[in-house]
Amino acid sequence: MGDYFKHQDRMKQQREAEDSGRVADSLDVRVALLERMHAGELTLAEVQAEVKRLKRNAKAKGQITRNQAYLGR
């Protein structure tokens, strides 16, 4: 049972970080990329490369990744 509550707390922490704009690869950014892919503007490989680039450049921009937000870093 403790793992469930710990996960819920981490998800809440991640959502708060995304809402505050600290997360480089937030869910909104990922959804926007997927919408562009479904519209035919980008391929899956291009979307994956863009997410990878966002994660790589997050620290330089003073942001964090979704995983770091989840882990509380």
N, C-alpha and C. Protein backbone atom coordinates (compact mmCIF):
# COMPACT_ATOMS: atom_id res chain seq x y z
N MET A 1 0.82 -1.20 0.00
CA MET A 1 0.00 0.00 0.00
C MET A 1 0.86 1.26 0.00
N GLY A 2 2.00 1.22 0.63
CA GLY A 2 2.85 2.40 0.71
C GLY A 2 3.33 2.85 -0.66
N ASP A 3 3.55 1.90 -1.55
CA ASP A 3 4.03 2.24 -2.89
C ASP A 3 2.97 3.03 -3.66
N TYR A 4 1.71 2.69 -3.48
CA TYR A 4 0.62 3.39 -4.17
C TYR A 4 0.59 4.86 -3.77
N PHE A 5 0.66 5.12 -2.48
CA PHE A 5 0.61 6.50 -2.00
C PHE A 5 1.87 7.28 -2.37
N LYS A 6 2.99 6.59 -2.36
CA LYS A 6 4.24 7.22 -2.77
C LYS A 6 4.15 7.63 -4.25
N HIS A 7 3.61 6.74 -5.07
CA HIS A 7 3.44 7.03 -6.49
C HIS A 7 2.48 8.21 -6.69
N GLN A 8 1.40 8.23 -5.95
CA GLN A 8 0.43 9.33 -6.07
C GLN A 8 1.07 10.67 -5.70
N ASP A 9 1.87 10.67 -4.64
CA ASP A 9 2.56 11.89 -4.23
C ASP A 9 3.55 12.36 -5.31
N ARG A 10 4.26 11.40 -5.90
CA ARG A 10 5.22 11.75 -6.94
C ARG A 10 4.51 12.28 -8.19
N MET A 11 3.37 11.69 -8.54
CA MET A 11 2.61 12.17 -9.69
C MET A 11 2.09 13.59 -9.44
N LYS A 12 1.66 13.86 -8.24
CA LYS A 12 1.19 15.20 -7.89
C LYS A 12 2.35 16.19 -7.99
N GLN A 13 3.50 15.80 -7.50
CA GLN A 13 4.69 16.64 -7.56
C GLN A 13 5.08 16.91 -9.01
N GLN A 14 4.98 15.89 -9.85
CA GLN A 14 5.29 16.04 -11.27
C GLN A 14 4.31 17.00 -11.95
N ARG A 15 3.02 16.86 -11.67
CA ARG A 15 2.01 17.75 -12.26
C ARG A 15 2.22 19.20 -11.84
N GLU A 16 2.58 19.40 -10.57
CA GLU A 16 2.83 20.76 -10.08
C GLU A 16 4.03 21.38 -10.79
N ALA A 17 5.07 20.59 -11.00
CA ALA A 17 6.25 21.10 -11.69
C ALA A 17 5.92 21.44 -13.14
N GLU A 18 5.10 20.62 -13.77
CA GLU A 18 4.69 20.88 -15.15
C GLU A 18 3.83 22.14 -15.22
N ASP A 19 2.92 22.30 -14.27
CA ASP A 19 2.04 23.47 -14.26
C ASP A 19 2.82 24.76 -14.04
N SER A 20 3.92 24.67 -13.30
CA SER A 20 4.72 25.87 -13.03
C SER A 20 5.67 26.20 -14.19
N GLY A 21 5.76 25.31 -15.18
CA GLY A 21 6.61 25.57 -16.35
C GLY A 21 8.06 25.19 -16.18
N ARG A 22 8.37 24.42 -15.15
CA ARG A 22 9.77 24.03 -14.91
C ARG A 22 10.19 22.81 -15.71
N VAL A 23 9.23 22.08 -16.30
CA VAL A 23 9.54 20.83 -16.98
C VAL A 23 9.67 21.06 -18.48
N ALA A 24 10.83 20.70 -19.03
CA ALA A 24 11.11 20.94 -20.45
C ALA A 24 10.26 20.05 -21.35
N ASP A 25 10.13 18.79 -21.00
CA ASP A 25 9.39 17.84 -21.84
C ASP A 25 8.04 17.51 -21.20
N SER A 26 7.29 18.55 -20.88
CA SER A 26 6.02 18.37 -20.19
C SER A 26 5.02 17.61 -21.07
N LEU A 27 3.95 17.18 -20.45
CA LEU A 27 2.92 16.44 -21.16
C LEU A 27 2.31 17.29 -22.28
N ASP A 28 2.14 18.58 -22.04
CA ASP A 28 1.60 19.47 -23.07
C ASP A 28 2.51 19.52 -24.30
N VAL A 29 3.80 19.57 -24.08
CA VAL A 29 4.76 19.60 -25.18
C VAL A 29 4.70 18.28 -25.95
N ARG A 30 4.65 17.18 -25.22
CA ARG A 30 4.59 15.86 -25.86
C ARG A 30 3.30 15.69 -26.67
N VAL A 31 2.18 16.15 -26.12
CA VAL A 31 0.90 16.05 -26.83
C VAL A 31 0.95 16.89 -28.11
N ALA A 32 1.53 18.09 -28.03
CA ALA A 32 1.64 18.95 -29.21
C ALA A 32 2.48 18.28 -30.29
N LEU A 33 3.56 17.62 -29.88
CA LEU A 33 4.39 16.91 -30.85
C LEU A 33 3.62 15.76 -31.50
N LEU A 34 2.85 15.03 -30.70
CA LEU A 34 2.07 13.93 -31.25
C LEU A 34 0.98 14.42 -32.19
N GLU A 35 0.38 15.56 -31.88
CA GLU A 35 -0.62 16.13 -32.78
C GLU A 35 0.00 16.50 -34.12
N ARG A 36 1.22 17.05 -34.08
CA ARG A 36 1.93 17.37 -35.32
C ARG A 36 2.26 16.11 -36.10
N MET A 37 2.58 15.03 -35.39
CA MET A 37 2.88 13.77 -36.05
C MET A 37 1.61 13.22 -36.73
N HIS A 38 0.49 13.26 -36.04
CA HIS A 38 -0.75 12.75 -36.60
C HIS A 38 -1.24 13.60 -37.78
N ALA A 39 -0.86 14.88 -37.79
CA ALA A 39 -1.22 15.76 -38.90
C ALA A 39 -0.29 15.56 -40.09
N GLY A 40 0.75 14.79 -39.91
CA GLY A 40 1.67 14.50 -41.00
C GLY A 40 2.84 15.46 -41.11
N GLU A 41 2.99 16.37 -40.17
CA GLU A 41 4.10 17.32 -40.21
C GLU A 41 5.42 16.68 -39.81
N LEU A 42 5.36 15.73 -38.87
CA LEU A 42 6.56 15.07 -38.35
C LEU A 42 6.39 13.56 -38.43
N THR A 43 7.53 12.87 -38.49
CA THR A 43 7.51 11.41 -38.41
C THR A 43 7.75 11.00 -36.96
N LEU A 44 7.55 9.74 -36.67
CA LEU A 44 7.79 9.23 -35.31
C LEU A 44 9.24 9.45 -34.91
N ALA A 45 10.16 9.19 -35.82
CA ALA A 45 11.59 9.37 -35.53
C ALA A 45 11.90 10.83 -35.21
N GLU A 46 11.27 11.76 -35.92
CA GLU A 46 11.50 13.18 -35.65
C GLU A 46 10.95 13.59 -34.29
N VAL A 47 9.79 13.04 -33.93
CA VAL A 47 9.21 13.34 -32.62
C VAL A 47 10.11 12.80 -31.51
N GLN A 48 10.58 11.56 -31.68
CA GLN A 48 11.47 10.98 -30.68
C GLN A 48 12.76 11.78 -30.56
N ALA A 49 13.30 12.23 -31.67
CA ALA A 49 14.53 13.03 -31.64
C ALA A 49 14.28 14.37 -30.95
N GLU A 50 13.12 14.96 -31.18
CA GLU A 50 12.79 16.24 -30.54
C GLU A 50 12.67 16.09 -29.03
N VAL A 51 12.03 15.02 -28.57
CA VAL A 51 11.91 14.79 -27.13
C VAL A 51 13.29 14.56 -26.52
N LYS A 52 14.11 13.82 -27.22
CA LYS A 52 15.48 13.57 -26.74
C LYS A 52 16.26 14.89 -26.65
N ARG A 53 16.09 15.77 -27.65
CA ARG A 53 16.77 17.07 -27.65
C ARG A 53 16.27 17.94 -26.50
N LEU A 54 14.96 17.93 -26.27
CA LEU A 54 14.40 18.70 -25.16
C LEU A 54 14.98 18.26 -23.82
N LYS A 55 15.07 16.96 -23.63
CA LYS A 55 15.62 16.42 -22.39
C LYS A 55 17.09 16.81 -22.23
N ARG A 56 17.84 16.72 -23.32
CA ARG A 56 19.28 17.01 -23.29
C ARG A 56 19.54 18.49 -22.96
N ASN A 57 18.71 19.38 -23.50
CA ASN A 57 18.93 20.81 -23.32
C ASN A 57 18.22 21.40 -22.10
N ALA A 58 17.51 20.59 -21.35
CA ALA A 58 16.72 21.09 -20.22
C ALA A 58 17.59 21.79 -19.17
N LYS A 59 18.68 21.16 -18.79
CA LYS A 59 19.52 21.73 -17.73
C LYS A 59 20.10 23.08 -18.14
N ALA A 60 20.51 23.20 -19.39
CA ALA A 60 21.08 24.46 -19.86
C ALA A 60 20.06 25.60 -19.80
N LYS A 61 18.79 25.26 -19.93
CA LYS A 61 17.72 26.26 -19.89
C LYS A 61 17.16 26.47 -18.49
N GLY A 62 17.74 25.78 -17.51
CA GLY A 62 17.27 25.92 -16.14
C GLY A 62 15.98 25.16 -15.87
N GLN A 63 15.72 24.13 -16.67
CA GLN A 63 14.53 23.33 -16.49
C GLN A 63 14.91 21.92 -16.09
N ILE A 64 13.89 21.11 -15.84
CA ILE A 64 14.11 19.71 -15.49
C ILE A 64 13.29 18.84 -16.44
N THR A 65 13.51 17.53 -16.38
CA THR A 65 12.73 16.60 -17.20
C THR A 65 11.57 16.06 -16.38
N ARG A 66 10.64 15.38 -17.03
CA ARG A 66 9.50 14.80 -16.32
C ARG A 66 9.98 13.77 -15.30
N ASN A 67 10.99 13.01 -15.67
CA ASN A 67 11.51 12.00 -14.75
C ASN A 67 12.12 12.65 -13.52
N GLN A 68 12.86 13.73 -13.70
CA GLN A 68 13.44 14.42 -12.56
C GLN A 68 12.35 15.01 -11.67
N ALA A 69 11.29 15.52 -12.28
CA ALA A 69 10.16 16.05 -11.49
C ALA A 69 9.50 14.93 -10.69
N TYR A 70 9.35 13.77 -11.32
CA TYR A 70 8.74 12.63 -10.65
C TYR A 70 9.60 12.17 -9.47
N LEU A 71 10.91 12.16 -9.66
CA LEU A 71 11.81 11.71 -8.61
C LEU A 71 12.10 12.79 -7.56
N GLY A 72 11.68 14.01 -7.83
CA GLY A 72 11.85 15.08 -6.86
C GLY A 72 13.23 15.70 -6.87
N ARG A 73 13.87 15.71 -8.00
CA ARG A 73 15.23 16.27 -8.11
C ARG A 73 15.19 17.69 -8.55
